[in-house]
Amino acid sequence: MDFCEEHHGQEEGRAPTSVEVVLIVEVHCRYGVPPGATGKVNYPVPGTTVLVPVEKADGWAKDRPDVSFAGYLVTARRVTDLPEGPVARGQ
C-alpha cells in the first residue's frame, strides 16, 4: 500500500489529494490472540484474509463465514485536472 486515508482527525500540514477510484475491495479476516501473547488483544490471523471486490464502499459489508469485516482496500490514481462542480467533489 502506498497511502492510507484517515478519518479520525486532520493532521496539520497535509494537503488534500484528489484521486480517481479504480477498484474497491472489502477486506475480511479472522482475529485472534497470538500464541504466547501476554495480553488479550486480538490481531488479524495470518492466512485468513478474504478479499471481495465491490462496486462501492457503502459501509454495509455482507457477513462472511468465519471472518470479520476489517475495512476497504481501494486502488486509486492521483488526478491533477479536476472538472468544476458537484461531480468533482464526489456528490
N, C-alpha and C. Protein backbone atom coordinates (compact mmCIF):
# COMPACT_ATOMS: atom_id res chain seq x y z
N MET A 1 0.85 -1.17 0.00
CA MET A 1 0.00 0.00 0.00
C MET A 1 0.89 1.23 0.00
N ASP A 2 0.46 2.20 -0.79
CA ASP A 2 1.25 3.43 -0.89
C ASP A 2 0.73 4.54 0.00
N PHE A 3 -0.58 4.57 0.27
CA PHE A 3 -1.18 5.65 1.03
C PHE A 3 -2.26 5.09 1.94
N CYS A 4 -2.56 5.82 3.00
CA CYS A 4 -3.61 5.44 3.92
C CYS A 4 -4.48 6.66 4.18
N GLU A 5 -5.79 6.49 4.13
CA GLU A 5 -6.69 7.60 4.41
C GLU A 5 -7.18 7.44 5.83
N GLU A 6 -7.17 8.52 6.56
CA GLU A 6 -7.55 8.51 7.97
C GLU A 6 -8.72 9.47 8.18
N HIS A 7 -9.72 9.02 8.94
CA HIS A 7 -10.90 9.85 9.21
C HIS A 7 -11.06 10.17 10.69
N HIS A 8 -10.02 9.99 11.48
CA HIS A 8 -10.13 10.22 12.91
C HIS A 8 -9.47 11.52 13.35
N GLY A 9 -9.22 12.42 12.45
CA GLY A 9 -8.61 13.70 12.80
C GLY A 9 -7.77 14.22 11.66
N GLN A 10 -7.70 15.52 11.54
CA GLN A 10 -6.91 16.15 10.49
C GLN A 10 -5.48 16.34 10.98
N GLU A 11 -4.54 15.91 10.21
CA GLU A 11 -3.14 16.17 10.53
C GLU A 11 -2.77 17.52 9.92
N GLU A 12 -2.13 18.35 10.70
CA GLU A 12 -1.71 19.65 10.19
C GLU A 12 -0.61 19.48 9.17
N GLY A 13 -0.59 20.37 8.19
CA GLY A 13 0.45 20.35 7.19
C GLY A 13 0.21 19.36 6.07
N ARG A 14 -0.93 18.72 6.03
CA ARG A 14 -1.25 17.75 4.98
C ARG A 14 -2.29 18.35 4.05
N ALA A 15 -1.95 18.46 2.79
CA ALA A 15 -2.88 18.99 1.80
C ALA A 15 -3.76 17.86 1.26
N PRO A 16 -5.04 18.14 0.99
CA PRO A 16 -5.90 17.11 0.39
C PRO A 16 -5.36 16.68 -0.97
N THR A 17 -5.59 15.42 -1.31
CA THR A 17 -5.16 14.87 -2.59
C THR A 17 -6.39 14.38 -3.33
N SER A 18 -6.51 14.73 -4.59
CA SER A 18 -7.63 14.27 -5.41
C SER A 18 -7.22 12.98 -6.12
N VAL A 19 -8.11 11.97 -6.07
CA VAL A 19 -7.84 10.70 -6.71
C VAL A 19 -9.08 10.21 -7.46
N GLU A 20 -8.85 9.34 -8.41
CA GLU A 20 -9.92 8.63 -9.10
C GLU A 20 -9.90 7.19 -8.60
N VAL A 21 -11.02 6.72 -8.07
CA VAL A 21 -11.11 5.36 -7.57
C VAL A 21 -11.20 4.40 -8.75
N VAL A 22 -10.32 3.41 -8.77
CA VAL A 22 -10.26 2.44 -9.86
C VAL A 22 -10.90 1.11 -9.43
N LEU A 23 -10.69 0.71 -8.18
CA LEU A 23 -11.17 -0.59 -7.70
C LEU A 23 -11.37 -0.51 -6.19
N ILE A 24 -12.45 -1.15 -5.69
CA ILE A 24 -12.72 -1.23 -4.25
C ILE A 24 -12.87 -2.69 -3.88
N VAL A 25 -12.20 -3.08 -2.80
CA VAL A 25 -12.25 -4.46 -2.33
C VAL A 25 -12.53 -4.44 -0.82
N GLU A 26 -13.53 -5.23 -0.39
CA GLU A 26 -13.73 -5.43 1.04
C GLU A 26 -12.64 -6.37 1.55
N VAL A 27 -12.13 -6.08 2.73
CA VAL A 27 -11.13 -6.95 3.36
C VAL A 27 -11.77 -7.56 4.60
N HIS A 28 -11.77 -8.89 4.65
CA HIS A 28 -12.29 -9.63 5.80
C HIS A 28 -11.17 -10.54 6.30
N CYS A 29 -11.13 -10.79 7.60
CA CYS A 29 -10.15 -11.73 8.15
C CYS A 29 -10.65 -12.23 9.50
N ARG A 30 -9.96 -13.23 10.00
CA ARG A 30 -10.25 -13.73 11.33
C ARG A 30 -9.32 -13.01 12.30
N TYR A 31 -9.78 -12.79 13.52
CA TYR A 31 -8.97 -12.16 14.56
C TYR A 31 -8.78 -13.14 15.70
N GLY A 32 -7.64 -13.05 16.35
CA GLY A 32 -7.37 -13.90 17.50
C GLY A 32 -6.18 -13.39 18.27
N VAL A 33 -6.02 -13.90 19.48
CA VAL A 33 -4.87 -13.55 20.31
C VAL A 33 -3.70 -14.41 19.85
N PRO A 34 -2.58 -13.79 19.49
CA PRO A 34 -1.43 -14.56 19.01
C PRO A 34 -0.90 -15.52 20.07
N PRO A 35 -0.38 -16.67 19.66
CA PRO A 35 0.22 -17.61 20.62
C PRO A 35 1.35 -16.93 21.39
N GLY A 36 1.36 -17.13 22.68
CA GLY A 36 2.41 -16.56 23.51
C GLY A 36 2.17 -15.12 23.94
N ALA A 37 1.06 -14.53 23.49
CA ALA A 37 0.77 -13.14 23.87
C ALA A 37 0.42 -13.07 25.35
N THR A 38 0.83 -11.98 25.98
CA THR A 38 0.54 -11.81 27.41
C THR A 38 -0.76 -11.04 27.63
N GLY A 39 -1.23 -10.33 26.62
CA GLY A 39 -2.49 -9.59 26.73
C GLY A 39 -3.60 -10.31 25.99
N LYS A 40 -4.77 -9.72 26.03
CA LYS A 40 -5.92 -10.31 25.35
C LYS A 40 -6.34 -9.47 24.15
N VAL A 41 -5.37 -8.93 23.44
CA VAL A 41 -5.65 -8.09 22.28
C VAL A 41 -5.71 -8.96 21.04
N ASN A 42 -6.79 -8.82 20.28
CA ASN A 42 -6.95 -9.58 19.04
C ASN A 42 -6.18 -8.92 17.91
N TYR A 43 -5.56 -9.73 17.08
CA TYR A 43 -4.84 -9.28 15.89
C TYR A 43 -5.34 -10.10 14.70
N PRO A 44 -5.18 -9.60 13.48
CA PRO A 44 -5.53 -10.41 12.31
C PRO A 44 -4.72 -11.70 12.29
N VAL A 45 -5.39 -12.81 11.98
CA VAL A 45 -4.73 -14.11 11.90
C VAL A 45 -4.17 -14.29 10.49
N PRO A 46 -2.86 -14.44 10.35
CA PRO A 46 -2.26 -14.60 9.02
C PRO A 46 -2.90 -15.77 8.26
N GLY A 47 -3.10 -15.58 6.97
CA GLY A 47 -3.64 -16.62 6.11
C GLY A 47 -5.15 -16.72 6.10
N THR A 48 -5.85 -15.81 6.81
CA THR A 48 -7.31 -15.89 6.86
C THR A 48 -7.99 -14.78 6.05
N THR A 49 -7.23 -13.99 5.34
CA THR A 49 -7.80 -12.84 4.62
C THR A 49 -8.67 -13.28 3.46
N VAL A 50 -9.82 -12.64 3.34
CA VAL A 50 -10.74 -12.84 2.23
C VAL A 50 -10.96 -11.48 1.58
N LEU A 51 -10.70 -11.38 0.28
CA LEU A 51 -10.89 -10.12 -0.46
C LEU A 51 -12.11 -10.26 -1.35
N VAL A 52 -13.03 -9.28 -1.27
CA VAL A 52 -14.28 -9.33 -2.02
C VAL A 52 -14.42 -8.04 -2.83
N PRO A 53 -14.28 -8.09 -4.17
CA PRO A 53 -14.48 -6.89 -4.99
C PRO A 53 -15.93 -6.40 -4.87
N VAL A 54 -16.09 -5.08 -4.75
CA VAL A 54 -17.41 -4.47 -4.64
C VAL A 54 -17.49 -3.24 -5.53
N GLU A 55 -18.71 -2.79 -5.81
CA GLU A 55 -18.94 -1.60 -6.65
C GLU A 55 -18.72 -0.31 -5.88
N LYS A 56 -19.03 -0.31 -4.55
CA LYS A 56 -18.87 0.90 -3.76
C LYS A 56 -18.59 0.53 -2.31
N ALA A 57 -17.96 1.47 -1.61
CA ALA A 57 -17.67 1.29 -0.19
C ALA A 57 -18.77 2.00 0.59
N ASP A 58 -19.85 1.26 0.86
CA ASP A 58 -21.00 1.88 1.49
C ASP A 58 -21.10 1.62 2.99
N GLY A 59 -20.14 0.88 3.55
CA GLY A 59 -20.15 0.59 4.97
C GLY A 59 -21.07 -0.56 5.36
N TRP A 60 -21.65 -1.23 4.39
CA TRP A 60 -22.58 -2.32 4.66
C TRP A 60 -22.06 -3.64 4.08
N ALA A 61 -20.89 -4.04 4.50
CA ALA A 61 -20.30 -5.29 4.02
C ALA A 61 -21.13 -6.47 4.49
N LYS A 62 -21.38 -7.42 3.59
CA LYS A 62 -22.12 -8.62 3.95
C LYS A 62 -21.25 -9.52 4.82
N ASP A 63 -21.88 -10.17 5.80
CA ASP A 63 -21.16 -11.10 6.65
C ASP A 63 -20.59 -12.24 5.82
N ARG A 64 -19.41 -12.68 6.17
CA ARG A 64 -18.74 -13.81 5.54
C ARG A 64 -18.49 -14.86 6.62
N PRO A 65 -18.58 -16.15 6.27
CA PRO A 65 -18.36 -17.19 7.27
C PRO A 65 -16.93 -17.15 7.83
N ASP A 66 -16.82 -17.22 9.14
CA ASP A 66 -15.55 -17.39 9.86
C ASP A 66 -14.59 -16.20 9.79
N VAL A 67 -15.02 -15.07 9.23
CA VAL A 67 -14.15 -13.88 9.17
C VAL A 67 -14.98 -12.64 9.51
N SER A 68 -14.28 -11.57 9.89
CA SER A 68 -14.93 -10.30 10.21
C SER A 68 -14.48 -9.24 9.23
N PHE A 69 -15.35 -8.27 8.98
CA PHE A 69 -15.01 -7.17 8.09
C PHE A 69 -13.93 -6.32 8.75
N ALA A 70 -12.87 -6.01 7.99
CA ALA A 70 -11.75 -5.23 8.52
C ALA A 70 -11.67 -3.83 7.92
N GLY A 71 -12.18 -3.67 6.70
CA GLY A 71 -12.11 -2.36 6.04
C GLY A 71 -12.10 -2.53 4.53
N TYR A 72 -11.77 -1.45 3.86
CA TYR A 72 -11.72 -1.45 2.40
C TYR A 72 -10.30 -1.22 1.92
N LEU A 73 -9.95 -1.89 0.85
CA LEU A 73 -8.70 -1.64 0.15
C LEU A 73 -9.09 -1.01 -1.17
N VAL A 74 -8.65 0.22 -1.39
CA VAL A 74 -9.06 0.98 -2.56
C VAL A 74 -7.85 1.22 -3.45
N THR A 75 -7.99 0.88 -4.72
CA THR A 75 -6.97 1.21 -5.70
C THR A 75 -7.41 2.51 -6.36
N ALA A 76 -6.52 3.49 -6.35
CA ALA A 76 -6.85 4.80 -6.90
C ALA A 76 -5.64 5.37 -7.61
N ARG A 77 -5.92 6.33 -8.49
CA ARG A 77 -4.82 7.04 -9.14
C ARG A 77 -5.01 8.54 -8.90
N ARG A 78 -3.90 9.20 -8.70
CA ARG A 78 -3.91 10.64 -8.45
C ARG A 78 -4.37 11.38 -9.70
N VAL A 79 -5.23 12.38 -9.51
CA VAL A 79 -5.67 13.22 -10.64
C VAL A 79 -5.25 14.65 -10.35
N THR A 80 -4.91 15.34 -11.41
CA THR A 80 -4.46 16.73 -11.23
C THR A 80 -5.42 17.72 -11.87
N ASP A 81 -6.09 17.35 -12.95
CA ASP A 81 -7.02 18.26 -13.62
C ASP A 81 -8.45 17.84 -13.31
N LEU A 82 -9.08 18.55 -12.37
CA LEU A 82 -10.43 18.20 -11.97
C LEU A 82 -11.45 19.12 -12.64
N PRO A 83 -12.59 18.57 -13.06
CA PRO A 83 -13.67 19.43 -13.55
C PRO A 83 -14.27 20.18 -12.39
N GLU A 84 -14.94 21.27 -12.65
CA GLU A 84 -15.61 22.06 -11.62
C GLU A 84 -16.98 21.46 -11.35
N GLY A 85 -17.51 21.67 -10.17
CA GLY A 85 -18.89 21.29 -9.87
C GLY A 85 -18.98 20.10 -8.94
N PRO A 86 -20.25 19.65 -8.69
CA PRO A 86 -20.51 18.57 -7.72
C PRO A 86 -19.84 17.25 -8.05
N VAL A 87 -19.70 16.90 -9.33
CA VAL A 87 -19.08 15.62 -9.69
C VAL A 87 -17.64 15.59 -9.21
N ALA A 88 -16.95 16.70 -9.30
CA ALA A 88 -15.55 16.77 -8.87
C ALA A 88 -15.42 16.53 -7.37
N ARG A 89 -16.47 16.86 -6.61
CA ARG A 89 -16.42 16.70 -5.17
C ARG A 89 -17.00 15.38 -4.71
N GLY A 90 -17.41 14.51 -5.65
CA GLY A 90 -17.92 13.20 -5.30
C GLY A 90 -19.36 13.21 -4.82
N GLN A 91 -20.12 14.20 -5.20
CA GLN A 91 -21.52 14.28 -4.77
C GLN A 91 -22.45 13.73 -5.82
